[in-house]
């Protein structure tokens, strides 16, 4: 019986290890809260960004 409990606990911990919270939305005391780990509103993937110092070296 202890082995089954141990295996279930191990299985639960392994399956929950890969979970990541990426979006929170709600309201607290009348204040709307929206948080996300992804940058949804600002897209920097247009290819025009050059890191500082690289333009001086002629790499961009």
PDB file of N, CA and C in Angstrom:
ATOM      1  N   UNK A   1       0.817  -1.189   0.000  1.00  0.00           N
ATOM      2  CA  UNK A   1       0.000   0.000   0.000  1.00  0.00           C
ATOM      3  C   UNK A   1       0.869   1.265   0.000  1.00  0.00           C
ATOM      4  N   UNK A   2       1.997   1.236   0.709  1.00  0.00           N
ATOM      5  CA  UNK A   2       2.887   2.389   0.740  1.00  0.00           C
ATOM      6  C   UNK A   2       3.525   2.637  -0.621  1.00  0.00           C
ATOM      7  N   UNK A   3       3.782   1.553  -1.361  1.00  0.00           N
ATOM      8  CA  UNK A   3       4.388   1.700  -2.680  1.00  0.00           C
ATOM      9  C   UNK A   3       3.425   2.392  -3.637  1.00  0.00           C
ATOM     10  N   UNK A   4       2.154   2.050  -3.552  1.00  0.00           N
ATOM     11  CA  UNK A   4       1.157   2.664  -4.434  1.00  0.00           C
ATOM     12  C   UNK A   4       1.033   4.154  -4.116  1.00  0.00           C
ATOM     13  N   UNK A   5       0.999   4.508  -2.852  1.00  0.00           N
ATOM     14  CA  UNK A   5       0.924   5.914  -2.453  1.00  0.00           C
ATOM     15  C   UNK A   5       2.157   6.670  -2.908  1.00  0.00           C
ATOM     16  N   UNK A   6       3.305   6.059  -2.756  1.00  0.00           N
ATOM     17  CA  UNK A   6       4.555   6.685  -3.188  1.00  0.00           C
ATOM     18  C   UNK A   6       4.565   6.886  -4.698  1.00  0.00           C
ATOM     19  N   UNK A   7       4.123   5.899  -5.453  1.00  0.00           N
ATOM     20  CA  UNK A   7       4.081   6.013  -6.907  1.00  0.00           C
ATOM     21  C   UNK A   7       3.085   7.082  -7.357  1.00  0.00           C
ATOM     22  N   UNK A   8       1.936   7.157  -6.704  1.00  0.00           N
ATOM     23  CA  UNK A   8       0.960   8.194  -7.053  1.00  0.00           C
ATOM     24  C   UNK A   8       1.504   9.591  -6.754  1.00  0.00           C
ATOM     25  N   UNK A   9       2.185   9.751  -5.630  1.00  0.00           N
ATOM     26  CA  UNK A   9       2.786  11.041  -5.292  1.00  0.00           C
ATOM     27  C   UNK A   9       3.880  11.405  -6.289  1.00  0.00           C
ATOM     28  N   UNK A  10       4.684  10.447  -6.677  1.00  0.00           N
ATOM     29  CA  UNK A  10       5.733  10.686  -7.659  1.00  0.00           C
ATOM     30  C   UNK A  10       5.140  11.059  -9.015  1.00  0.00           C
ATOM     31  N   UNK A  11       4.108  10.346  -9.420  1.00  0.00           N
ATOM     32  CA  UNK A  11       3.445  10.629 -10.698  1.00  0.00           C
ATOM     33  C   UNK A  11       2.838  12.032 -10.689  1.00  0.00           C
ATOM     34  N   UNK A  12       2.182  12.403  -9.597  1.00  0.00           N
ATOM     35  CA  UNK A  12       1.571  13.732  -9.496  1.00  0.00           C
ATOM     36  C   UNK A  12       2.629  14.828  -9.534  1.00  0.00           C
ATOM     37  N   UNK A  13       3.738  14.628  -8.854  1.00  0.00           N
ATOM     38  CA  UNK A  13       4.783  15.654  -8.848  1.00  0.00           C
ATOM     39  C   UNK A  13       5.453  15.788 -10.213  1.00  0.00           C
ATOM     40  N   UNK A  14       5.618  14.698 -10.925  1.00  0.00           N
ATOM     41  CA  UNK A  14       6.237  14.757 -12.253  1.00  0.00           C
ATOM     42  C   UNK A  14       5.301  15.423 -13.261  1.00  0.00           C
ATOM     43  N   UNK A  15       4.018  15.126 -13.197  1.00  0.00           N
ATOM     44  CA  UNK A  15       3.087  15.714 -14.167  1.00  0.00           C
ATOM     45  C   UNK A  15       2.856  17.193 -13.904  1.00  0.00           C
ATOM     46  N   UNK A  16       2.926  17.636 -12.648  1.00  0.00           N
ATOM     47  CA  UNK A  16       2.703  19.036 -12.336  1.00  0.00           C
ATOM     48  C   UNK A  16       3.968  19.883 -12.455  1.00  0.00           C
ATOM     49  N   UNK A  17       5.091  19.268 -12.643  1.00  0.00           N
ATOM     50  CA  UNK A  17       6.354  19.995 -12.743  1.00  0.00           C
ATOM     51  C   UNK A  17       6.400  20.846 -14.009  1.00  0.00           C
ATOM     52  N   UNK A  18       5.800  20.404 -15.087  1.00  0.00           N
ATOM     53  CA  UNK A  18       5.856  21.121 -16.352  1.00  0.00           C
ATOM     54  C   UNK A  18       4.867  22.256 -16.468  1.00  0.00           C
ATOM     55  N   UNK A  19       4.035  22.513 -15.478  1.00  0.00           N
ATOM     56  CA  UNK A  19       3.035  23.570 -15.553  1.00  0.00           C
ATOM     57  C   UNK A  19       3.687  24.931 -15.330  1.00  0.00           C
ATOM     58  N   UNK A  20       3.199  25.932 -16.082  1.00  0.00           N
ATOM     59  CA  UNK A  20       3.707  27.279 -15.943  1.00  0.00           C
ATOM     60  C   UNK A  20       2.538  28.252 -16.038  1.00  0.00           C
ATOM     61  N   UNK A  21       2.475  29.191 -15.137  1.00  0.00           N
ATOM     62  CA  UNK A  21       1.440  30.201 -15.147  1.00  0.00           C
ATOM     63  C   UNK A  21       1.867  31.307 -16.098  1.00  0.00           C
ATOM     64  N   UNK A  22       1.086  31.517 -17.174  1.00  0.00           N
ATOM     65  CA  UNK A  22       1.474  32.504 -18.168  1.00  0.00           C
ATOM     66  C   UNK A  22       0.504  33.665 -18.282  1.00  0.00           C
ATOM     67  N   UNK A  23      -0.686  33.569 -17.655  1.00  0.00           N
ATOM     68  CA  UNK A  23      -1.666  34.634 -17.823  1.00  0.00           C
ATOM     69  C   UNK A  23      -2.556  34.715 -16.591  1.00  0.00           C
ATOM     70  N   UNK A  24      -2.700  35.902 -16.036  1.00  0.00           N
ATOM     71  CA  UNK A  24      -3.576  36.135 -14.888  1.00  0.00           C
ATOM     72  C   UNK A  24      -4.479  37.310 -15.240  1.00  0.00           C
ATOM     73  N   UNK A  25      -5.771  37.155 -14.985  1.00  0.00           N
ATOM     74  CA  UNK A  25      -6.698  38.234 -15.258  1.00  0.00           C
ATOM     75  C   UNK A  25      -7.778  38.213 -14.187  1.00  0.00           C
ATOM     76  N   UNK A  26      -8.146  39.373 -13.657  1.00  0.00           N
ATOM     77  CA  UNK A  26      -9.177  39.419 -12.641  1.00  0.00           C
ATOM     78  C   UNK A  26      -9.386  40.815 -12.105  1.00  0.00           C
ATOM     79  N   UNK A  27     -10.105  40.890 -10.978  1.00  0.00           N
ATOM     80  CA  UNK A  27     -10.412  42.183 -10.374  1.00  0.00           C
ATOM     81  C   UNK A  27     -10.265  42.063  -8.862  1.00  0.00           C
ATOM     82  N   UNK A  28      -9.559  43.030  -8.259  1.00  0.00           N
ATOM     83  CA  UNK A  28      -9.362  43.067  -6.818  1.00  0.00           C
ATOM     84  C   UNK A  28      -9.721  44.470  -6.340  1.00  0.00           C
ATOM     85  N   UNK A  29     -10.664  44.568  -5.440  1.00  0.00           N
ATOM     86  CA  UNK A  29     -11.112  45.844  -4.868  1.00  0.00           C
ATOM     87  C   UNK A  29     -11.448  46.870  -5.944  1.00  0.00           C
ATOM     88  N   UNK A  30     -12.091  46.448  -7.007  1.00  0.00           N
ATOM     89  CA  UNK A  30     -12.512  47.351  -8.068  1.00  0.00           C
ATOM     90  C   UNK A  30     -11.416  47.718  -9.057  1.00  0.00           C
ATOM     91  N   UNK A  31     -10.245  47.134  -8.921  1.00  0.00           N
ATOM     92  CA  UNK A  31      -9.129  47.418  -9.829  1.00  0.00           C
ATOM     93  C   UNK A  31      -8.932  46.211 -10.733  1.00  0.00           C
ATOM     94  N   UNK A  32      -8.997  46.445 -12.043  1.00  0.00           N
ATOM     95  CA  UNK A  32      -8.775  45.362 -13.001  1.00  0.00           C
ATOM     96  C   UNK A  32      -7.294  45.031 -13.075  1.00  0.00           C
ATOM     97  N   UNK A  33      -6.987  43.745 -13.040  1.00  0.00           N
ATOM     98  CA  UNK A  33      -5.603  43.279 -13.087  1.00  0.00           C
ATOM     99  C   UNK A  33      -5.438  42.351 -14.267  1.00  0.00           C
ATOM    100  N   UNK A  34      -4.428  42.615 -15.075  1.00  0.00           N
ATOM    101  CA  UNK A  34      -4.104  41.745 -16.198  1.00  0.00           C
ATOM    102  C   UNK A  34      -2.593  41.620 -16.262  1.00  0.00           C
ATOM    103  N   UNK A  35      -2.089  40.406 -16.076  1.00  0.00           N
ATOM    104  CA  UNK A  35      -0.651  40.165 -16.094  1.00  0.00           C
ATOM    105  C   UNK A  35      -0.355  38.978 -16.994  1.00  0.00           C
ATOM    106  N   UNK A  36       0.749  39.039 -17.712  1.00  0.00           N
ATOM    107  CA  UNK A  36       1.118  37.972 -18.622  1.00  0.00           C
ATOM    108  C   UNK A  36       2.627  37.901 -18.714  1.00  0.00           C
ATOM    109  N   UNK A  37       3.166  36.705 -18.948  1.00  0.00           N
ATOM    110  CA  UNK A  37       4.602  36.563 -19.110  1.00  0.00           C
ATOM    111  C   UNK A  37       5.026  36.774 -20.554  1.00  0.00           C
ATOM    112  N   UNK A  38       4.071  36.840 -21.450  1.00  0.00           N
ATOM    113  CA  UNK A  38       4.372  37.083 -22.856  1.00  0.00           C
ATOM    114  C   UNK A  38       4.156  38.556 -23.171  1.00  0.00           C
ATOM    115  N   UNK A  39       4.981  39.126 -24.031  1.00  0.00           N
ATOM    116  CA  UNK A  39       4.850  40.516 -24.440  1.00  0.00           C
ATOM    117  C   UNK A  39       3.914  40.561 -25.634  1.00  0.00           C
ATOM    118  N   UNK A  40       2.614  40.696 -25.372  1.00  0.00           N
ATOM    119  CA  UNK A  40       1.609  40.613 -26.432  1.00  0.00           C
ATOM    120  C   UNK A  40       1.472  41.903 -27.223  1.00  0.00           C
ATOM    121  N   UNK A  41       1.749  43.052 -26.589  1.00  0.00           N
ATOM    122  CA  UNK A  41       1.462  44.324 -27.230  1.00  0.00           C
ATOM    123  C   UNK A  41       2.652  44.918 -27.972  1.00  0.00           C
ATOM    124  N   UNK A  42       3.839  44.534 -27.625  1.00  0.00           N
ATOM    125  CA  UNK A  42       5.029  45.101 -28.248  1.00  0.00           C
ATOM    126  C   UNK A  42       5.787  44.011 -28.995  1.00  0.00           C
ATOM    127  N   UNK A  43       5.764  44.107 -30.293  1.00  0.00           N
ATOM    128  CA  UNK A  43       6.449  43.103 -31.101  1.00  0.00           C
ATOM    129  C   UNK A  43       7.786  43.664 -31.572  1.00  0.00           C
ATOM    130  N   UNK A  44       8.869  43.040 -31.170  1.00  0.00           N
ATOM    131  CA  UNK A  44      10.199  43.480 -31.585  1.00  0.00           C
ATOM    132  C   UNK A  44      10.791  42.542 -32.627  1.00  0.00           C
ATOM    133  N   UNK A  45       9.987  41.718 -33.236  1.00  0.00           N
ATOM    134  CA  UNK A  45      10.497  40.737 -34.170  1.00  0.00           C
ATOM    135  C   UNK A  45      10.490  41.190 -35.612  1.00  0.00           C
ATOM    136  N   UNK A  46      10.578  42.513 -35.870  1.00  0.00           N
ATOM    137  CA  UNK A  46      10.532  42.991 -37.245  1.00  0.00           C
ATOM    138  C   UNK A  46      11.902  43.019 -37.911  1.00  0.00           C
ATOM    139  N   UNK A  47      12.965  42.685 -37.189  1.00  0.00           N
ATOM    140  CA  UNK A  47      14.290  42.605 -37.796  1.00  0.00           C
ATOM    141  C   UNK A  47      15.052  43.905 -37.810  1.00  0.00           C
ATOM    142  N   UNK A  48      14.510  44.983 -37.251  1.00  0.00           N
ATOM    143  CA  UNK A  48      15.186  46.277 -37.258  1.00  0.00           C
ATOM    144  C   UNK A  48      15.965  46.558 -35.988  1.00  0.00           C
ATOM    145  N   UNK A  49      15.922  45.666 -35.012  1.00  0.00           N
ATOM    146  CA  UNK A  49      16.585  45.900 -33.731  1.00  0.00           C
ATOM    147  C   UNK A  49      18.058  45.540 -33.830  1.00  0.00           C
ATOM    148  N   UNK A  50      18.880  46.445 -33.341  1.00  0.00           N
ATOM    149  CA  UNK A  50      20.313  46.205 -33.282  1.00  0.00           C
ATOM    150  C   UNK A  50      20.767  46.412 -31.840  1.00  0.00           C
ATOM    151  N   UNK A  51      21.368  45.402 -31.208  1.00  0.00           N
ATOM    152  CA  UNK A  51      21.796  45.538 -29.813  1.00  0.00           C
ATOM    153  C   UNK A  51      22.827  46.647 -29.651  1.00  0.00           C
ATOM    154  N   UNK A  52      22.848  47.270 -28.468  1.00  0.00           N
ATOM    155  CA  UNK A  52      23.808  48.357 -28.235  1.00  0.00           C
ATOM    156  C   UNK A  52      25.242  47.896 -28.446  1.00  0.00           C
ATOM    157  N   UNK A  53      25.995  48.702 -29.132  1.00  0.00           N
ATOM    158  CA  UNK A  53      27.412  48.389 -29.377  1.00  0.00           C
ATOM    159  C   UNK A  53      27.656  47.640 -30.668  1.00  0.00           C
ATOM    160  N   UNK A  54      26.648  46.930 -31.178  1.00  0.00           N
ATOM    161  CA  UNK A  54      26.851  46.158 -32.396  1.00  0.00           C
ATOM    162  C   UNK A  54      26.847  47.061 -33.643  1.00  0.00           C
ATOM    163  N   UNK A  55      26.074  48.140 -33.603  1.00  0.00           N
ATOM    164  CA  UNK A  55      26.052  49.056 -34.753  1.00  0.00           C
ATOM    165  C   UNK A  55      27.406  49.744 -34.919  1.00  0.00           C
ATOM    166  N   UNK A  56      28.066  50.071 -33.795  1.00  0.00           N
ATOM    167  CA  UNK A  56      29.395  50.700 -33.863  1.00  0.00           C
ATOM    168  C   UNK A  56      30.421  49.769 -34.480  1.00  0.00           C
ATOM    169  N   UNK A  57      30.230  48.460 -34.265  1.00  0.00           N
ATOM    170  CA  UNK A  57      31.156  47.469 -34.812  1.00  0.00           C
ATOM    171  C   UNK A  57      30.849  47.141 -36.263  1.00  0.00           C
ATOM    172  N   UNK A  58      29.697  47.633 -36.768  1.00  0.00           N
ATOM    173  CA  UNK A  58      29.318  47.352 -38.140  1.00  0.00           C
ATOM    174  C   UNK A  58      28.652  46.009 -38.345  1.00  0.00           C
ATOM    175  N   UNK A  59      28.124  45.413 -37.263  1.00  0.00           N
ATOM    176  CA  UNK A  59      27.477  44.111 -37.359  1.00  0.00           C
ATOM    177  C   UNK A  59      26.000  44.196 -37.730  1.00  0.00           C
ATOM    178  N   UNK A  60      25.426  45.386 -37.788  1.00  0.00           N
ATOM    179  CA  UNK A  60      23.990  45.516 -38.105  1.00  0.00           C
ATOM    180  C   UNK A  60      23.797  46.252 -39.413  1.00  0.00           C
TER     181      UNK A  60
END
